[in-house]
Amino acid sequence: MSEFRAKFAELEQRYSHVHEYFSNQVGVEKWARSMFAGERYNIMMTNIVEALNSTLKRVRDYPLLLLLDSIVEKMVEWFNERREKA
């Protein structure tokens, strides 16, 4: 957040009209990841490995085939949710 604020303040000094557009007309929360209030894609991280790891915590100790089934099930669930929203 502090790095974003510093860079955004620098933008304001150099290009005040651009800063005005991004902050007032567009809204910072719509384009800056650090200012987004919610969870992006219902997951707080963008790395798919981290997302799967945190989602599948309870099934990590399952035998390999059950673990793979759980991964496939979760991916199908995510894709179906996105497809329905689209």
C-alpha atoms as a PDB file:
ATOM      1  CA  MET A   1       0.000   0.000   0.000  1.00  0.00           C
ATOM      2  CA  SER A   2       2.771   2.446   0.898  1.00  0.00           C
ATOM      3  CA  GLU A   3       4.552   1.804  -2.410  1.00  0.00           C
ATOM      4  CA  PHE A   4       1.288   2.303  -4.306  1.00  0.00           C
ATOM      5  CA  ARG A   5       0.583   5.569  -2.492  1.00  0.00           C
ATOM      6  CA  ALA A   6       4.092   6.853  -3.189  1.00  0.00           C
ATOM      7  CA  LYS A   7       3.880   6.028  -6.900  1.00  0.00           C
ATOM      8  CA  PHE A   8       0.360   7.417  -7.172  1.00  0.00           C
ATOM      9  CA  ALA A   9       1.498  10.665  -5.496  1.00  0.00           C
ATOM     10  CA  GLU A  10       4.366  10.826  -7.990  1.00  0.00           C
ATOM     11  CA  LEU A  11       1.856  10.385 -10.800  1.00  0.00           C
ATOM     12  CA  GLU A  12      -0.191  13.239  -9.355  1.00  0.00           C
ATOM     13  CA  GLN A  13       2.843  15.548  -9.357  1.00  0.00           C
ATOM     14  CA  ARG A  14       3.895  14.697 -12.902  1.00  0.00           C
ATOM     15  CA  TYR A  15       0.535  14.148 -14.613  1.00  0.00           C
ATOM     16  CA  SER A  16      -2.249  15.650 -12.550  1.00  0.00           C
ATOM     17  CA  HIS A  17      -4.857  15.150 -15.298  1.00  0.00           C
ATOM     18  CA  VAL A  18      -4.085  11.404 -15.460  1.00  0.00           C
ATOM     19  CA  HIS A  19      -4.210  11.146 -11.664  1.00  0.00           C
ATOM     20  CA  GLU A  20      -7.559  12.946 -11.675  1.00  0.00           C
ATOM     21  CA  TYR A  21      -8.954  10.580 -14.306  1.00  0.00           C
ATOM     22  CA  PHE A  22      -7.792   7.405 -12.533  1.00  0.00           C
ATOM     23  CA  SER A  23      -8.866   8.471  -9.075  1.00  0.00           C
ATOM     24  CA  ASN A  24     -12.166  10.245  -9.739  1.00  0.00           C
ATOM     25  CA  GLN A  25     -13.586   9.023 -13.026  1.00  0.00           C
ATOM     26  CA  VAL A  26     -12.413   5.411 -13.155  1.00  0.00           C
ATOM     27  CA  GLY A  27     -11.951   4.657  -9.463  1.00  0.00           C
ATOM     28  CA  VAL A  28      -8.692   3.311  -8.087  1.00  0.00           C
ATOM     29  CA  GLU A  29     -10.321   0.146  -6.741  1.00  0.00           C
ATOM     30  CA  LYS A  30     -11.213  -0.919 -10.300  1.00  0.00           C
ATOM     31  CA  TRP A  31      -7.659  -1.068 -11.627  1.00  0.00           C
ATOM     32  CA  ALA A  32      -5.220  -1.209  -8.689  1.00  0.00           C
ATOM     33  CA  ARG A  33      -4.917  -4.654  -7.129  1.00  0.00           C
ATOM     34  CA  SER A  34      -3.779  -3.206  -3.789  1.00  0.00           C
ATOM     35  CA  MET A  35      -6.911  -1.047  -3.537  1.00  0.00           C
ATOM     36  CA  PHE A  36      -9.433  -3.741  -4.502  1.00  0.00           C
ATOM     37  CA  ALA A  37     -11.730  -4.298  -1.519  1.00  0.00           C
ATOM     38  CA  GLY A  38     -12.885  -7.814  -2.310  1.00  0.00           C
ATOM     39  CA  GLU A  39     -11.287 -11.101  -3.150  1.00  0.00           C
ATOM     40  CA  ARG A  40     -10.242 -11.441  -6.745  1.00  0.00           C
ATOM     41  CA  TYR A  41     -11.842 -14.548  -8.285  1.00  0.00           C
ATOM     42  CA  ASN A  42     -12.939 -15.493  -4.782  1.00  0.00           C
ATOM     43  CA  ILE A  43      -9.291 -16.240  -3.958  1.00  0.00           C
ATOM     44  CA  MET A  44      -6.807 -13.783  -2.450  1.00  0.00           C
ATOM     45  CA  MET A  45      -3.824 -14.915  -4.533  1.00  0.00           C
ATOM     46  CA  THR A  46      -3.224 -15.040  -8.275  1.00  0.00           C
ATOM     47  CA  ASN A  47      -0.892 -18.039  -8.288  1.00  0.00           C
ATOM     48  CA  ILE A  48      -2.962 -21.124  -9.194  1.00  0.00           C
ATOM     49  CA  VAL A  49      -0.641 -23.435  -7.235  1.00  0.00           C
ATOM     50  CA  GLU A  50      -1.135 -21.409  -4.056  1.00  0.00           C
ATOM     51  CA  ALA A  51      -4.876 -21.292  -4.701  1.00  0.00           C
ATOM     52  CA  LEU A  52      -5.145 -25.043  -5.097  1.00  0.00           C
ATOM     53  CA  ASN A  53      -2.868 -25.670  -2.132  1.00  0.00           C
ATOM     54  CA  SER A  54      -4.984 -23.558   0.206  1.00  0.00           C
ATOM     55  CA  THR A  55      -8.253 -24.909  -1.199  1.00  0.00           C
ATOM     56  CA  LEU A  56      -7.238 -28.549  -0.905  1.00  0.00           C
ATOM     57  CA  LYS A  57      -5.739 -28.439   2.606  1.00  0.00           C
ATOM     58  CA  ARG A  58      -8.100 -31.023   4.012  1.00  0.00           C
ATOM     59  CA  VAL A  59      -7.527 -33.562   1.201  1.00  0.00           C
ATOM     60  CA  ARG A  60      -3.721 -33.339   0.933  1.00  0.00           C
ATOM     61  CA  ASP A  61      -3.229 -36.532   2.920  1.00  0.00           C
ATOM     62  CA  TYR A  62      -5.597 -38.582   0.753  1.00  0.00           C
ATOM     63  CA  PRO A  63      -4.244 -41.313  -1.527  1.00  0.00           C
ATOM     64  CA  LEU A  64      -3.141 -40.024  -4.933  1.00  0.00           C
ATOM     65  CA  LEU A  65      -6.272 -40.973  -6.902  1.00  0.00           C
ATOM     66  CA  LEU A  66      -8.610 -39.404  -4.350  1.00  0.00           C
ATOM     67  CA  LEU A  67      -6.435 -36.286  -4.285  1.00  0.00           C
ATOM     68  CA  LEU A  68      -6.580 -36.034  -8.078  1.00  0.00           C
ATOM     69  CA  ASP A  69     -10.356 -36.523  -8.005  1.00  0.00           C
ATOM     70  CA  SER A  70     -10.638 -33.703  -5.469  1.00  0.00           C
ATOM     71  CA  ILE A  71      -8.532 -31.411  -7.657  1.00  0.00           C
ATOM     72  CA  VAL A  72     -10.629 -32.188 -10.731  1.00  0.00           C
ATOM     73  CA  GLU A  73     -13.833 -31.659  -8.750  1.00  0.00           C
ATOM     74  CA  LYS A  74     -12.668 -28.249  -7.488  1.00  0.00           C
ATOM     75  CA  MET A  75     -11.529 -27.124 -10.957  1.00  0.00           C
ATOM     76  CA  VAL A  76     -14.856 -28.194 -12.493  1.00  0.00           C
ATOM     77  CA  GLU A  77     -16.695 -26.296  -9.757  1.00  0.00           C
ATOM     78  CA  TRP A  78     -14.667 -23.126 -10.434  1.00  0.00           C
ATOM     79  CA  PHE A  79     -15.080 -23.342 -14.208  1.00  0.00           C
ATOM     80  CA  ASN A  80     -18.832 -23.970 -13.940  1.00  0.00           C
ATOM     81  CA  GLU A  81     -19.269 -20.971 -11.623  1.00  0.00           C
ATOM     82  CA  ARG A  82     -17.375 -18.717 -14.052  1.00  0.00           C
ATOM     83  CA  ARG A  83     -19.259 -20.129 -17.053  1.00  0.00           C
ATOM     84  CA  GLU A  84     -22.626 -19.461 -15.412  1.00  0.00           C
ATOM     85  CA  LYS A  85     -21.608 -15.905 -14.533  1.00  0.00           C
ATOM     86  CA  ALA A  86     -20.454 -15.304 -18.102  1.00  0.00           C
END
